[in-house]
Amino acid sequence: MASAALELMGFFLGLLGMLGTLVATVLPYWQISAHIGSNIVTAVANMRGLWMECVYQSTGAFQCETYNSMLALPPDLQASRALMVISLVLSILAVAMAALGMQCTLCLDGTGTVKSRVAGTSGGLFLAAGFLALIPVAWTTHEVVQTFYRQNVPSSLKFELGECLYVGLASALVTMLGGGLLCVSCCEAQDGGRGRRPGGGYPYPVGGGVSGTAPRTTSQTYRNPTLQAGAGRGPTLLRSTSGSSGSSTHAAAPAKKPTAAGYDITGYV
């Protein structure tokens, strides 16, 4: 039961982290123009993301322009794109495998060991997806901080940390946490849960003896005490009714001793 609760919690955390990673990948709020020094005009705000660059004006106008050439982009931006997309793909695969391997689903029912392994694999995919999403977020954060404190960079070219960096960081950590819970639940299931199956002949032994001792050769049959008590009594009186001479009572001939119903418990006692 504990492993099932861990699986559900890990699944929902991984799903939440995947949605956060998707939001951080699509939105352009990775870098926001810093209003410092001579650049104190707040009428215009520049924002940069992985796929587009946007400008927001105080009048309410919001314009975005996608990057024209992918090969002309800086190497760090290209790597960030690739890592975030791979992270999303791994998260989608992890969600699908978790839906198959969790105990609360009917998929792969009857194969406990395979089911637990599928859940553990989905946890590993969540861990890999969170780690891949954490790399571009940390990389971009480092670049923004380093550029902000450089003296030779004009104030108009300095940027601050955007909201997508915080969302991406939280999403990566939540995804890794969900993957860890799925892996832990898989380990618990393998140790003492659904991964264990009784041996052949359960609940009765097949060989009929304990290892190291000679097998029993005699057969002992369990007999019902009630039937044995009834069988030990003497002749009983039977009342029969005849259609022509009325009722008469006579002693019945001794009946054959009834065969007691029993169960062969050879080798179990």
C-alpha atoms as a PDB file:
ATOM      1  CA  MET A   1       0.000   0.000   0.000  1.00  0.00           C
ATOM      2  CA  ALA A   2       2.852   2.342   0.772  1.00  0.00           C
ATOM      3  CA  SER A   3       4.444   1.680  -2.609  1.00  0.00           C
ATOM      4  CA  ALA A   4       1.151   2.476  -4.360  1.00  0.00           C
ATOM      5  CA  ALA A   5       0.930   5.837  -2.563  1.00  0.00           C
ATOM      6  CA  LEU A   6       4.525   6.636  -3.502  1.00  0.00           C
ATOM      7  CA  GLU A   7       3.790   5.748  -7.110  1.00  0.00           C
ATOM      8  CA  LEU A   8       0.798   8.069  -7.261  1.00  0.00           C
ATOM      9  CA  MET A   9       2.713  10.923  -5.662  1.00  0.00           C
ATOM     10  CA  GLY A  10       5.692  10.409  -7.949  1.00  0.00           C
ATOM     11  CA  PHE A  11       3.446  10.253 -11.022  1.00  0.00           C
ATOM     12  CA  PHE A  12       1.650  13.506 -10.230  1.00  0.00           C
ATOM     13  CA  LEU A  13       4.897  15.271  -9.345  1.00  0.00           C
ATOM     14  CA  GLY A  14       6.468  14.126 -12.603  1.00  0.00           C
ATOM     15  CA  LEU A  15       3.407  15.242 -14.558  1.00  0.00           C
ATOM     16  CA  LEU A  16       3.456  18.636 -12.837  1.00  0.00           C
ATOM     17  CA  GLY A  17       7.160  19.012 -13.581  1.00  0.00           C
ATOM     18  CA  MET A  18       6.580  18.152 -17.244  1.00  0.00           C
ATOM     19  CA  LEU A  19       3.913  20.860 -17.555  1.00  0.00           C
ATOM     20  CA  GLY A  20       6.212  23.401 -15.905  1.00  0.00           C
ATOM     21  CA  THR A  21       9.039  22.456 -18.261  1.00  0.00           C
ATOM     22  CA  LEU A  22       6.726  22.913 -21.235  1.00  0.00           C
ATOM     23  CA  VAL A  23       5.708  26.378 -20.043  1.00  0.00           C
ATOM     24  CA  ALA A  24       9.334  27.398 -19.462  1.00  0.00           C
ATOM     25  CA  THR A  25      10.328  26.137 -22.905  1.00  0.00           C
ATOM     26  CA  VAL A  26       7.621  27.950 -24.853  1.00  0.00           C
ATOM     27  CA  LEU A  27       7.445  31.340 -23.124  1.00  0.00           C
ATOM     28  CA  PRO A  28      10.067  34.035 -23.905  1.00  0.00           C
ATOM     29  CA  TYR A  29      10.660  35.199 -20.317  1.00  0.00           C
ATOM     30  CA  TRP A  30      14.173  33.825 -19.932  1.00  0.00           C
ATOM     31  CA  GLN A  31      15.969  37.186 -19.962  1.00  0.00           C
ATOM     32  CA  ILE A  32      14.394  40.571 -19.212  1.00  0.00           C
ATOM     33  CA  SER A  33      16.062  43.903 -19.893  1.00  0.00           C
ATOM     34  CA  ALA A  34      17.524  45.538 -16.785  1.00  0.00           C
ATOM     35  CA  HIS A  35      16.511  49.132 -16.060  1.00  0.00           C
ATOM     36  CA  ILE A  36      19.713  50.389 -14.470  1.00  0.00           C
ATOM     37  CA  GLY A  37      22.132  53.271 -15.009  1.00  0.00           C
ATOM     38  CA  SER A  38      21.304  55.253 -18.102  1.00  0.00           C
ATOM     39  CA  ASN A  39      18.742  52.695 -19.173  1.00  0.00           C
ATOM     40  CA  ILE A  40      16.041  53.866 -16.791  1.00  0.00           C
ATOM     41  CA  VAL A  41      13.321  54.246 -19.370  1.00  0.00           C
ATOM     42  CA  THR A  42      10.622  51.748 -18.438  1.00  0.00           C
ATOM     43  CA  ALA A  43       8.380  52.476 -21.407  1.00  0.00           C
ATOM     44  CA  VAL A  44       9.933  49.575 -23.336  1.00  0.00           C
ATOM     45  CA  ALA A  45      10.929  46.147 -21.994  1.00  0.00           C
ATOM     46  CA  ASN A  46      12.847  43.568 -24.001  1.00  0.00           C
ATOM     47  CA  MET A  47      12.461  39.860 -23.352  1.00  0.00           C
ATOM     48  CA  ARG A  48      14.382  36.927 -24.784  1.00  0.00           C
ATOM     49  CA  GLY A  49      13.521  33.274 -24.871  1.00  0.00           C
ATOM     50  CA  LEU A  50      14.590  30.100 -26.602  1.00  0.00           C
ATOM     51  CA  TRP A  51      12.425  30.625 -29.663  1.00  0.00           C
ATOM     52  CA  MET A  52      11.642  34.337 -29.917  1.00  0.00           C
ATOM     53  CA  GLU A  53      12.461  37.829 -28.770  1.00  0.00           C
ATOM     54  CA  CYS A  54       9.641  40.117 -27.630  1.00  0.00           C
ATOM     55  CA  VAL A  55       9.174  43.817 -26.930  1.00  0.00           C
ATOM     56  CA  TYR A  56       6.580  45.175 -24.540  1.00  0.00           C
ATOM     57  CA  GLN A  57       5.609  48.847 -24.603  1.00  0.00           C
ATOM     58  CA  SER A  58       3.867  50.838 -21.928  1.00  0.00           C
ATOM     59  CA  THR A  59       1.003  51.528 -24.329  1.00  0.00           C
ATOM     60  CA  GLY A  60       0.084  47.847 -24.188  1.00  0.00           C
ATOM     61  CA  ALA A  61       1.594  46.774 -27.473  1.00  0.00           C
ATOM     62  CA  PHE A  62       3.310  43.404 -27.360  1.00  0.00           C
ATOM     63  CA  GLN A  63       5.361  42.269 -30.344  1.00  0.00           C
ATOM     64  CA  CYS A  64       7.338  39.073 -30.759  1.00  0.00           C
ATOM     65  CA  GLU A  65       9.720  37.996 -33.487  1.00  0.00           C
ATOM     66  CA  THR A  66      11.036  34.471 -33.879  1.00  0.00           C
ATOM     67  CA  TYR A  67      14.673  33.857 -34.618  1.00  0.00           C
ATOM     68  CA  ASN A  68      15.116  33.705 -38.381  1.00  0.00           C
ATOM     69  CA  SER A  69      18.002  31.242 -38.571  1.00  0.00           C
ATOM     70  CA  MET A  70      18.657  28.364 -36.224  1.00  0.00           C
ATOM     71  CA  LEU A  71      22.260  27.883 -37.310  1.00  0.00           C
ATOM     72  CA  ALA A  72      23.054  31.569 -36.761  1.00  0.00           C
ATOM     73  CA  LEU A  73      22.116  31.352 -33.083  1.00  0.00           C
ATOM     74  CA  PRO A  74      24.768  31.153 -30.354  1.00  0.00           C
ATOM     75  CA  PRO A  75      25.856  27.612 -29.425  1.00  0.00           C
ATOM     76  CA  ASP A  76      24.504  27.896 -25.879  1.00  0.00           C
ATOM     77  CA  LEU A  77      21.043  28.794 -27.178  1.00  0.00           C
ATOM     78  CA  GLN A  78      21.043  25.884 -29.608  1.00  0.00           C
ATOM     79  CA  ALA A  79      22.098  23.489 -26.862  1.00  0.00           C
ATOM     80  CA  SER A  80      19.409  24.864 -24.543  1.00  0.00           C
ATOM     81  CA  ARG A  81      16.767  24.251 -27.168  1.00  0.00           C
ATOM     82  CA  ALA A  82      17.865  20.693 -27.748  1.00  0.00           C
ATOM     83  CA  LEU A  83      18.078  19.828 -24.049  1.00  0.00           C
ATOM     84  CA  MET A  84      14.646  21.227 -23.249  1.00  0.00           C
ATOM     85  CA  VAL A  85      13.031  19.364 -26.150  1.00  0.00           C
ATOM     86  CA  ILE A  86      14.721  16.099 -25.173  1.00  0.00           C
ATOM     87  CA  SER A  87      13.586  16.628 -21.593  1.00  0.00           C
ATOM     88  CA  LEU A  88       9.979  17.008 -22.729  1.00  0.00           C
ATOM     89  CA  VAL A  89      10.181  13.864 -24.863  1.00  0.00           C
ATOM     90  CA  LEU A  90      11.580  11.828 -21.971  1.00  0.00           C
ATOM     91  CA  SER A  91       8.877  13.184 -19.654  1.00  0.00           C
ATOM     92  CA  ILE A  92       6.137  12.127 -22.065  1.00  0.00           C
ATOM     93  CA  LEU A  93       7.604   8.621 -22.301  1.00  0.00           C
ATOM     94  CA  ALA A  94       7.896   8.482 -18.510  1.00  0.00           C
ATOM     95  CA  VAL A  95       4.246   9.449 -18.063  1.00  0.00           C
ATOM     96  CA  ALA A  96       3.144   6.728 -20.492  1.00  0.00           C
ATOM     97  CA  MET A  97       5.283   4.057 -18.805  1.00  0.00           C
ATOM     98  CA  ALA A  98       4.166   5.140 -15.331  1.00  0.00           C
ATOM     99  CA  ALA A  99       0.534   4.739 -16.389  1.00  0.00           C
ATOM    100  CA  LEU A 100       1.338   1.152 -17.392  1.00  0.00           C
ATOM    101  CA  GLY A 101       3.437   0.229 -14.377  1.00  0.00           C
ATOM    102  CA  MET A 102       1.530   1.718 -11.447  1.00  0.00           C
ATOM    103  CA  GLN A 103      -0.404  -0.646  -9.179  1.00  0.00           C
ATOM    104  CA  CYS A 104      -3.616   1.372  -9.504  1.00  0.00           C
ATOM    105  CA  THR A 105      -3.882   0.591 -13.242  1.00  0.00           C
ATOM    106  CA  LEU A 106      -5.065  -2.620 -14.897  1.00  0.00           C
ATOM    107  CA  CYS A 107      -2.408  -2.633 -17.605  1.00  0.00           C
ATOM    108  CA  LEU A 108       0.058  -5.546 -17.409  1.00  0.00           C
ATOM    109  CA  ASP A 109      -2.118  -7.075 -14.689  1.00  0.00           C
ATOM    110  CA  GLY A 110      -0.916 -10.415 -13.368  1.00  0.00           C
ATOM    111  CA  THR A 111       2.769  -9.756 -14.073  1.00  0.00           C
ATOM    112  CA  GLY A 112       3.869  -8.160 -10.818  1.00  0.00           C
ATOM    113  CA  THR A 113       7.610  -8.173 -11.456  1.00  0.00           C
ATOM    114  CA  VAL A 114       7.306  -6.708 -14.956  1.00  0.00           C
ATOM    115  CA  LYS A 115       4.845  -4.102 -13.705  1.00  0.00           C
ATOM    116  CA  SER A 116       7.189  -2.913 -10.965  1.00  0.00           C
ATOM    117  CA  ARG A 117      10.110  -2.771 -13.382  1.00  0.00           C
ATOM    118  CA  VAL A 118       8.114  -0.615 -15.790  1.00  0.00           C
ATOM    119  CA  ALA A 119       7.305   1.789 -12.936  1.00  0.00           C
ATOM    120  CA  GLY A 120      10.976   1.924 -11.974  1.00  0.00           C
ATOM    121  CA  THR A 121      11.961   2.635 -15.586  1.00  0.00           C
ATOM    122  CA  SER A 122       9.516   5.533 -15.729  1.00  0.00           C
ATOM    123  CA  GLY A 123      11.105   6.919 -12.565  1.00  0.00           C
ATOM    124  CA  GLY A 124      14.522   6.759 -14.199  1.00  0.00           C
ATOM    125  CA  LEU A 125      13.181   8.615 -17.236  1.00  0.00           C
ATOM    126  CA  PHE A 126      11.758  11.324 -14.980  1.00  0.00           C
ATOM    127  CA  LEU A 127      15.143  11.683 -13.304  1.00  0.00           C
ATOM    128  CA  ALA A 128      16.901  12.023 -16.666  1.00  0.00           C
ATOM    129  CA  ALA A 129      14.312  14.526 -17.916  1.00  0.00           C
ATOM    130  CA  GLY A 130      14.660  16.706 -14.819  1.00  0.00           C
ATOM    131  CA  PHE A 131      18.443  16.660 -15.048  1.00  0.00           C
ATOM    132  CA  LEU A 132      18.387  17.633 -18.733  1.00  0.00           C
ATOM    133  CA  ALA A 133      15.988  20.503 -18.022  1.00  0.00           C
ATOM    134  CA  LEU A 134      18.168  21.710 -15.171  1.00  0.00           C
ATOM    135  CA  ILE A 135      21.263  22.135 -17.388  1.00  0.00           C
ATOM    136  CA  PRO A 136      20.011  24.953 -19.701  1.00  0.00           C
ATOM    137  CA  VAL A 137      18.320  26.752 -16.811  1.00  0.00           C
ATOM    138  CA  ALA A 138      21.508  26.785 -14.750  1.00  0.00           C
ATOM    139  CA  TRP A 139      23.597  27.632 -17.800  1.00  0.00           C
ATOM    140  CA  THR A 140      21.430  30.632 -18.770  1.00  0.00           C
ATOM    141  CA  THR A 141      21.305  31.845 -15.167  1.00  0.00           C
ATOM    142  CA  HIS A 142      25.084  31.777 -14.971  1.00  0.00           C
ATOM    143  CA  GLU A 143      25.446  33.710 -18.252  1.00  0.00           C
ATOM    144  CA  VAL A 144      22.942  36.376 -17.222  1.00  0.00           C
ATOM    145  CA  VAL A 145      24.605  36.932 -13.853  1.00  0.00           C
ATOM    146  CA  GLN A 146      28.089  37.050 -15.336  1.00  0.00           C
ATOM    147  CA  THR A 147      27.051  39.527 -18.045  1.00  0.00           C
ATOM    148  CA  PHE A 148      25.220  41.748 -15.562  1.00  0.00           C
ATOM    149  CA  TYR A 149      28.341  42.301 -13.431  1.00  0.00           C
ATOM    150  CA  ARG A 150      30.738  42.960 -16.306  1.00  0.00           C
ATOM    151  CA  GLN A 151      31.948  46.548 -16.398  1.00  0.00           C
ATOM    152  CA  ASN A 152      32.626  46.652 -20.126  1.00  0.00           C
ATOM    153  CA  VAL A 153      29.045  45.770 -21.091  1.00  0.00           C
ATOM    154  CA  PRO A 154      26.667  48.723 -21.639  1.00  0.00           C
ATOM    155  CA  SER A 155      23.630  48.967 -19.395  1.00  0.00           C
ATOM    156  CA  SER A 156      21.299  48.672 -22.372  1.00  0.00           C
ATOM    157  CA  LEU A 157      22.669  45.189 -23.129  1.00  0.00           C
ATOM    158  CA  LYS A 158      22.356  43.853 -19.606  1.00  0.00           C
ATOM    159  CA  PHE A 159      19.520  41.538 -18.691  1.00  0.00           C
ATOM    160  CA  GLU A 160      18.030  40.147 -15.509  1.00  0.00           C
ATOM    161  CA  LEU A 161      16.652  36.738 -14.634  1.00  0.00           C
ATOM    162  CA  GLY A 162      13.250  36.086 -16.149  1.00  0.00           C
ATOM    163  CA  GLU A 163      10.307  34.200 -14.729  1.00  0.00           C
ATOM    164  CA  CYS A 164      10.889  31.191 -16.970  1.00  0.00           C
ATOM    165  CA  LEU A 165      14.212  30.512 -15.277  1.00  0.00           C
ATOM    166  CA  TYR A 166      12.496  30.190 -11.896  1.00  0.00           C
ATOM    167  CA  VAL A 167       9.726  28.067 -13.379  1.00  0.00           C
ATOM    168  CA  GLY A 168      12.248  25.861 -15.162  1.00  0.00           C
ATOM    169  CA  LEU A 169      14.319  25.388 -12.021  1.00  0.00           C
ATOM    170  CA  ALA A 170      11.287  24.435  -9.918  1.00  0.00           C
ATOM    171  CA  SER A 171       9.968  22.135 -12.654  1.00  0.00           C
ATOM    172  CA  ALA A 172      13.282  20.310 -12.984  1.00  0.00           C
ATOM    173  CA  LEU A 173      13.493  19.715  -9.237  1.00  0.00           C
ATOM    174  CA  VAL A 174       9.876  18.544  -9.021  1.00  0.00           C
ATOM    175  CA  THR A 175      10.398  16.171 -11.955  1.00  0.00           C
ATOM    176  CA  MET A 176      13.472  14.654 -10.351  1.00  0.00           C
ATOM    177  CA  LEU A 177      11.623  14.290  -7.053  1.00  0.00           C
ATOM    178  CA  GLY A 178       8.769  12.451  -8.769  1.00  0.00           C
ATOM    179  CA  GLY A 179      11.217  10.150 -10.513  1.00  0.00           C
ATOM    180  CA  GLY A 180      12.942   9.384  -7.230  1.00  0.00           C
ATOM    181  CA  LEU A 181       9.637   8.446  -5.589  1.00  0.00           C
ATOM    182  CA  LEU A 182       8.796   6.101  -8.446  1.00  0.00           C
ATOM    183  CA  CYS A 183      12.181   4.407  -8.156  1.00  0.00           C
ATOM    184  CA  VAL A 184      11.773   4.010  -4.380  1.00  0.00           C
ATOM    185  CA  SER A 185       8.305   2.493  -4.791  1.00  0.00           C
ATOM    186  CA  CYS A 186       9.708   0.043  -7.327  1.00  0.00           C
ATOM    187  CA  CYS A 187      12.424  -1.049  -4.886  1.00  0.00           C
ATOM    188  CA  GLU A 188       9.866  -1.560  -2.113  1.00  0.00           C
ATOM    189  CA  ALA A 189       7.661  -3.630  -4.393  1.00  0.00           C
ATOM    190  CA  GLN A 190      10.573  -5.822  -5.437  1.00  0.00           C
ATOM    191  CA  ASP A 191      11.668  -6.413  -1.837  1.00  0.00           C
ATOM    192  CA  GLY A 192       8.401  -7.338  -0.182  1.00  0.00           C
ATOM    193  CA  GLY A 193       5.450  -6.488  -2.350  1.00  0.00           C
ATOM    194  CA  ARG A 194       4.143  -7.535  -5.690  1.00  0.00           C
ATOM    195  CA  GLY A 195       7.496  -8.832  -6.858  1.00  0.00           C
ATOM    196  CA  ARG A 196       7.264 -11.906  -4.611  1.00  0.00           C
ATOM    197  CA  ARG A 197       5.314 -14.938  -5.781  1.00  0.00           C
ATOM    198  CA  PRO A 198       4.666 -18.225  -3.896  1.00  0.00           C
ATOM    199  CA  GLY A 199       6.464 -21.312  -5.074  1.00  0.00           C
ATOM    200  CA  GLY A 200       4.901 -24.267  -6.819  1.00  0.00           C
ATOM    201  CA  GLY A 201       2.262 -26.188  -4.903  1.00  0.00           C
ATOM    202  CA  TYR A 202       1.445 -23.286  -2.588  1.00  0.00           C
ATOM    203  CA  PRO A 203       0.054 -23.578   0.091  1.00  0.00           C
ATOM    204  CA  TYR A 204       0.903 -27.292   0.172  1.00  0.00           C
ATOM    205  CA  PRO A 205       4.344 -28.743  -0.515  1.00  0.00           C
ATOM    206  CA  VAL A 206       4.844 -30.743  -3.653  1.00  0.00           C
ATOM    207  CA  GLY A 207       7.514 -33.182  -2.524  1.00  0.00           C
ATOM    208  CA  GLY A 208       5.627 -34.260   0.576  1.00  0.00           C
ATOM    209  CA  GLY A 209       8.591 -34.092   2.908  1.00  0.00           C
ATOM    210  CA  VAL A 210      11.052 -31.786   4.551  1.00  0.00           C
ATOM    211  CA  SER A 211      14.493 -31.489   3.037  1.00  0.00           C
ATOM    212  CA  GLY A 212      16.919 -33.759   4.803  1.00  0.00           C
ATOM    213  CA  THR A 213      14.262 -36.269   5.987  1.00  0.00           C
ATOM    214  CA  ALA A 214      12.890 -39.363   4.336  1.00  0.00           C
ATOM    215  CA  PRO A 215       9.464 -38.989   2.743  1.00  0.00           C
ATOM    216  CA  ARG A 216       6.492 -40.608   4.440  1.00  0.00           C
ATOM    217  CA  THR A 217       5.256 -43.810   2.843  1.00  0.00           C
ATOM    218  CA  THR A 218       2.051 -44.343   4.828  1.00  0.00           C
ATOM    219  CA  SER A 219      -1.205 -42.628   3.989  1.00  0.00           C
ATOM    220  CA  GLN A 220      -3.242 -41.013   6.728  1.00  0.00           C
ATOM    221  CA  THR A 221      -6.828 -40.127   5.977  1.00  0.00           C
ATOM    222  CA  TYR A 222      -8.750 -37.592   7.948  1.00  0.00           C
ATOM    223  CA  ARG A 223     -12.131 -38.883   8.993  1.00  0.00           C
ATOM    224  CA  ASN A 224     -15.021 -36.821  10.147  1.00  0.00           C
ATOM    225  CA  PRO A 225     -15.708 -37.531  13.874  1.00  0.00           C
ATOM    226  CA  THR A 226     -19.439 -37.123  13.346  1.00  0.00           C
ATOM    227  CA  LEU A 227     -19.555 -39.816  10.717  1.00  0.00           C
ATOM    228  CA  GLN A 228     -17.369 -42.078  12.826  1.00  0.00           C
ATOM    229  CA  ALA A 229     -19.644 -41.647  15.846  1.00  0.00           C
ATOM    230  CA  GLY A 230     -22.714 -42.483  13.784  1.00  0.00           C
ATOM    231  CA  ALA A 231     -21.045 -45.493  12.240  1.00  0.00           C
ATOM    232  CA  GLY A 232     -20.238 -47.069  15.638  1.00  0.00           C
ATOM    233  CA  ARG A 233     -23.831 -47.320  16.783  1.00  0.00           C
ATOM    234  CA  GLY A 234     -25.860 -50.530  16.657  1.00  0.00           C
ATOM    235  CA  PRO A 235     -28.877 -51.382  14.547  1.00  0.00           C
ATOM    236  CA  THR A 236     -31.471 -48.645  14.303  1.00  0.00           C
ATOM    237  CA  LEU A 237     -35.208 -48.952  14.046  1.00  0.00           C
ATOM    238  CA  LEU A 238     -36.699 -48.004  10.712  1.00  0.00           C
ATOM    239  CA  ARG A 239     -40.355 -47.136  10.273  1.00  0.00           C
ATOM    240  CA  SER A 240     -41.872 -48.126   7.005  1.00  0.00           C
ATOM    241  CA  THR A 241     -45.429 -47.609   5.839  1.00  0.00           C
ATOM    242  CA  SER A 242     -47.229 -50.124   3.672  1.00  0.00           C
ATOM    243  CA  GLY A 243     -50.277 -49.142   1.653  1.00  0.00           C
ATOM    244  CA  SER A 244     -52.199 -52.386   2.539  1.00  0.00           C
ATOM    245  CA  SER A 245     -51.287 -53.445   6.100  1.00  0.00           C
ATOM    246  CA  GLY A 246     -50.616 -50.119   7.842  1.00  0.00           C
ATOM    247  CA  SER A 247     -47.504 -49.228   9.744  1.00  0.00           C
ATOM    248  CA  SER A 248     -45.170 -51.729  11.325  1.00  0.00           C
ATOM    249  CA  THR A 249     -41.921 -51.490  13.157  1.00  0.00           C
ATOM    250  CA  HIS A 250     -39.120 -53.930  12.616  1.00  0.00           C
ATOM    251  CA  ALA A 251     -35.460 -54.112  13.267  1.00  0.00           C
ATOM    252  CA  ALA A 252     -33.380 -53.248  10.322  1.00  0.00           C
ATOM    253  CA  ALA A 253     -30.553 -55.491   9.347  1.00  0.00           C
ATOM    254  CA  PRO A 254     -27.143 -54.244  10.332  1.00  0.00           C
ATOM    255  CA  ALA A 255     -26.096 -51.923   7.585  1.00  0.00           C
ATOM    256  CA  LYS A 256     -22.642 -51.856   6.129  1.00  0.00           C
ATOM    257  CA  LYS A 257     -20.403 -49.416   7.870  1.00  0.00           C
ATOM    258  CA  PRO A 258     -20.568 -46.183   5.878  1.00  0.00           C
ATOM    259  CA  THR A 259     -17.460 -45.006   4.275  1.00  0.00           C
ATOM    260  CA  ALA A 260     -16.342 -41.845   5.978  1.00  0.00           C
ATOM    261  CA  ALA A 261     -15.602 -38.935   3.755  1.00  0.00           C
ATOM    262  CA  GLY A 262     -12.008 -37.959   4.195  1.00  0.00           C
ATOM    263  CA  TYR A 263      -9.140 -36.015   2.754  1.00  0.00           C
ATOM    264  CA  ASP A 264      -5.847 -37.483   1.893  1.00  0.00           C
ATOM    265  CA  ILE A 265      -3.259 -35.536   3.803  1.00  0.00           C
ATOM    266  CA  THR A 266      -0.320 -37.682   2.826  1.00  0.00           C
ATOM    267  CA  GLY A 267       2.844 -35.794   3.409  1.00  0.00           C
ATOM    268  CA  TYR A 268       1.218 -32.825   5.122  1.00  0.00           C
ATOM    269  CA  VAL A 269       1.206 -34.237   8.676  1.00  0.00           C
END
